[in-house]
C-alpha atoms as a PDB file:
ATOM      1  CA  MET A   1      12.948   7.990 -15.906  1.00  0.00           C
ATOM      2  CA  ASN A   2       9.392   9.099 -16.441  1.00  0.00           C
ATOM      3  CA  THR A   3       7.462   8.013 -13.289  1.00  0.00           C
ATOM      4  CA  PHE A   4       4.048   8.332 -11.633  1.00  0.00           C
ATOM      5  CA  ILE A   5       4.140   8.280  -7.877  1.00  0.00           C
ATOM      6  CA  VAL A   6       1.656   6.386  -5.623  1.00  0.00           C
ATOM      7  CA  LYS A   7       2.007   6.816  -1.844  1.00  0.00           C
ATOM      8  CA  VAL A   8       0.576   4.080   0.249  1.00  0.00           C
ATOM      9  CA  SER A   9       0.388   3.814   3.985  1.00  0.00           C
ATOM     10  CA  ALA A  10       0.066   0.557   5.870  1.00  0.00           C
ATOM     11  CA  PHE A  11      -0.465  -0.422   9.457  1.00  0.00           C
ATOM     12  CA  TRP A  12      -0.524  -3.798  11.261  1.00  0.00           C
ATOM     13  CA  ASP A  13      -3.879  -4.629  12.659  1.00  0.00           C
ATOM     14  CA  ALA A  14      -2.976  -7.049  15.607  1.00  0.00           C
ATOM     15  CA  GLU A  15      -6.619  -7.952  16.193  1.00  0.00           C
ATOM     16  CA  VAL A  16      -6.865  -9.737  12.862  1.00  0.00           C
ATOM     17  CA  ASP A  17      -3.223 -10.301  12.060  1.00  0.00           C
ATOM     18  CA  VAL A  18      -3.113  -8.463   8.752  1.00  0.00           C
ATOM     19  CA  TRP A  19      -1.423  -5.457   7.179  1.00  0.00           C
ATOM     20  CA  VAL A  20      -4.061  -2.875   6.117  1.00  0.00           C
ATOM     21  CA  ALA A  21      -3.030  -0.466   3.290  1.00  0.00           C
ATOM     22  CA  SER A  22      -4.642   2.685   1.688  1.00  0.00           C
ATOM     23  CA  SER A  23      -3.642   5.637  -0.354  1.00  0.00           C
ATOM     24  CA  ASP A  24      -4.758   9.230  -0.303  1.00  0.00           C
ATOM     25  CA  ASN A  25      -3.672   9.807  -3.879  1.00  0.00           C
ATOM     26  CA  LEU A  26      -5.226   6.837  -5.542  1.00  0.00           C
ATOM     27  CA  PRO A  27      -9.037   6.458  -4.917  1.00  0.00           C
ATOM     28  CA  GLY A  28     -10.270   2.969  -4.157  1.00  0.00           C
ATOM     29  CA  LEU A  29      -6.902   1.680  -2.969  1.00  0.00           C
ATOM     30  CA  VAL A  30      -7.691  -0.254   0.219  1.00  0.00           C
ATOM     31  CA  THR A  31      -6.376  -3.812   0.732  1.00  0.00           C
ATOM     32  CA  GLU A  32      -5.014  -6.185   3.352  1.00  0.00           C
ATOM     33  CA  ALA A  33      -2.627  -9.102   3.609  1.00  0.00           C
ATOM     34  CA  SER A  34      -1.158 -11.388   6.225  1.00  0.00           C
ATOM     35  CA  THR A  35       2.497 -10.428   5.285  1.00  0.00           C
ATOM     36  CA  ILE A  36       4.321  -7.337   4.010  1.00  0.00           C
ATOM     37  CA  GLU A  37       5.493  -9.430   0.949  1.00  0.00           C
ATOM     38  CA  LEU A  38       1.927 -10.501   0.135  1.00  0.00           C
ATOM     39  CA  LEU A  39       0.692  -6.836   0.624  1.00  0.00           C
ATOM     40  CA  THR A  40       3.405  -5.638  -1.774  1.00  0.00           C
ATOM     41  CA  ALA A  41       2.418  -8.121  -4.456  1.00  0.00           C
ATOM     42  CA  LYS A  42      -1.297  -7.257  -4.109  1.00  0.00           C
ATOM     43  CA  LEU A  43      -0.334  -3.517  -4.439  1.00  0.00           C
ATOM     44  CA  LYS A  44       1.756  -4.146  -7.546  1.00  0.00           C
ATOM     45  CA  ALA A  45      -1.309  -5.805  -9.144  1.00  0.00           C
ATOM     46  CA  MET A  46      -3.874  -3.328  -7.891  1.00  0.00           C
ATOM     47  CA  ILE A  47      -2.234   0.030  -8.591  1.00  0.00           C
ATOM     48  CA  PRO A  48      -2.067  -0.127 -12.408  1.00  0.00           C
ATOM     49  CA  GLU A  49      -5.717  -1.478 -12.499  1.00  0.00           C
ATOM     50  CA  LEU A  50      -6.939   1.397 -10.198  1.00  0.00           C
ATOM     51  CA  ILE A  51      -5.145   3.986 -12.261  1.00  0.00           C
ATOM     52  CA  GLU A  52      -6.893   2.761 -15.339  1.00  0.00           C
ATOM     53  CA  LEU A  53     -10.275   2.269 -13.647  1.00  0.00           C
ATOM     54  CA  ASN A  54     -10.254   5.759 -12.100  1.00  0.00           C
ATOM     55  CA  ARG A  55      -8.864   7.316 -15.224  1.00  0.00           C
ATOM     56  CA  VAL A  56      -6.148   8.961 -13.164  1.00  0.00           C
ATOM     57  CA  GLU A  57      -4.081  11.189 -15.294  1.00  0.00           C
ATOM     58  CA  SER A  58      -0.701   9.629 -15.117  1.00  0.00           C
ATOM     59  CA  GLY A  59       0.682  11.641 -18.007  1.00  0.00           C
ATOM     60  CA  ASN A  60       1.784   8.729 -20.004  1.00  0.00           C
ATOM     61  CA  LYS A  61       4.418   7.827 -17.544  1.00  0.00           C
ATOM     62  CA  ASP A  62       6.676   4.820 -18.207  1.00  0.00           C
ATOM     63  CA  TYR A  63       6.865   3.574 -14.639  1.00  0.00           C
ATOM     64  CA  ILE A  64       4.837   3.731 -11.430  1.00  0.00           C
ATOM     65  CA  ASP A  65       6.841   4.360  -8.277  1.00  0.00           C
ATOM     66  CA  LEU A  66       5.282   2.828  -5.176  1.00  0.00           C
ATOM     67  CA  TYR A  67       6.180   4.516  -1.822  1.00  0.00           C
ATOM     68  CA  LEU A  68       4.994   2.128   0.913  1.00  0.00           C
ATOM     69  CA  THR A  69       5.260   3.387   4.474  1.00  0.00           C
ATOM     70  CA  THR A  70       4.430   1.003   7.276  1.00  0.00           C
ATOM     71  CA  HIS A  71       3.564   1.437  10.915  1.00  0.00           C
ATOM     72  CA  ARG A  72       3.517  -1.260  13.578  1.00  0.00           C
ATOM     73  CA  HIS A  73       3.216  -1.077  17.247  1.00  0.00           C
ATOM     74  CA  GLU A  74       3.969  -3.736  19.755  1.00  0.00           C
ATOM     75  CA  SER A  75       3.762  -3.757  23.506  1.00  0.00           C
ATOM     76  CA  ILE A  76       6.503  -5.768  25.206  1.00  0.00           C
ATOM     77  CA  LYS A  77       6.043  -7.031  28.783  1.00  0.00           C
ATOM     78  CA  VAL A  78       9.004  -6.244  31.005  1.00  0.00           C
ATOM     79  CA  ALA A  79      10.086  -9.074  33.217  1.00  0.00           C
ATOM     80  CA  GLY A  80      10.220  -8.159  36.797  1.00  0.00           C
END
């Protein structure tokens, strides 16, 4: 399979209740969404558009592989 890889990192912003995503290897990719499912859908729409707009050399690949890494931190109060 002939693929172009886009690595995206996302973190949960608890202050505004959204996932925030960005990519170091695709300029302009910054977005947010209230759920990971909505975030993934937005990324699937944005990535091909940004590749074209930024004229990123994808080498005429047949597919784009999205590697989405998420980070979420929660503090849990211990009863006692």
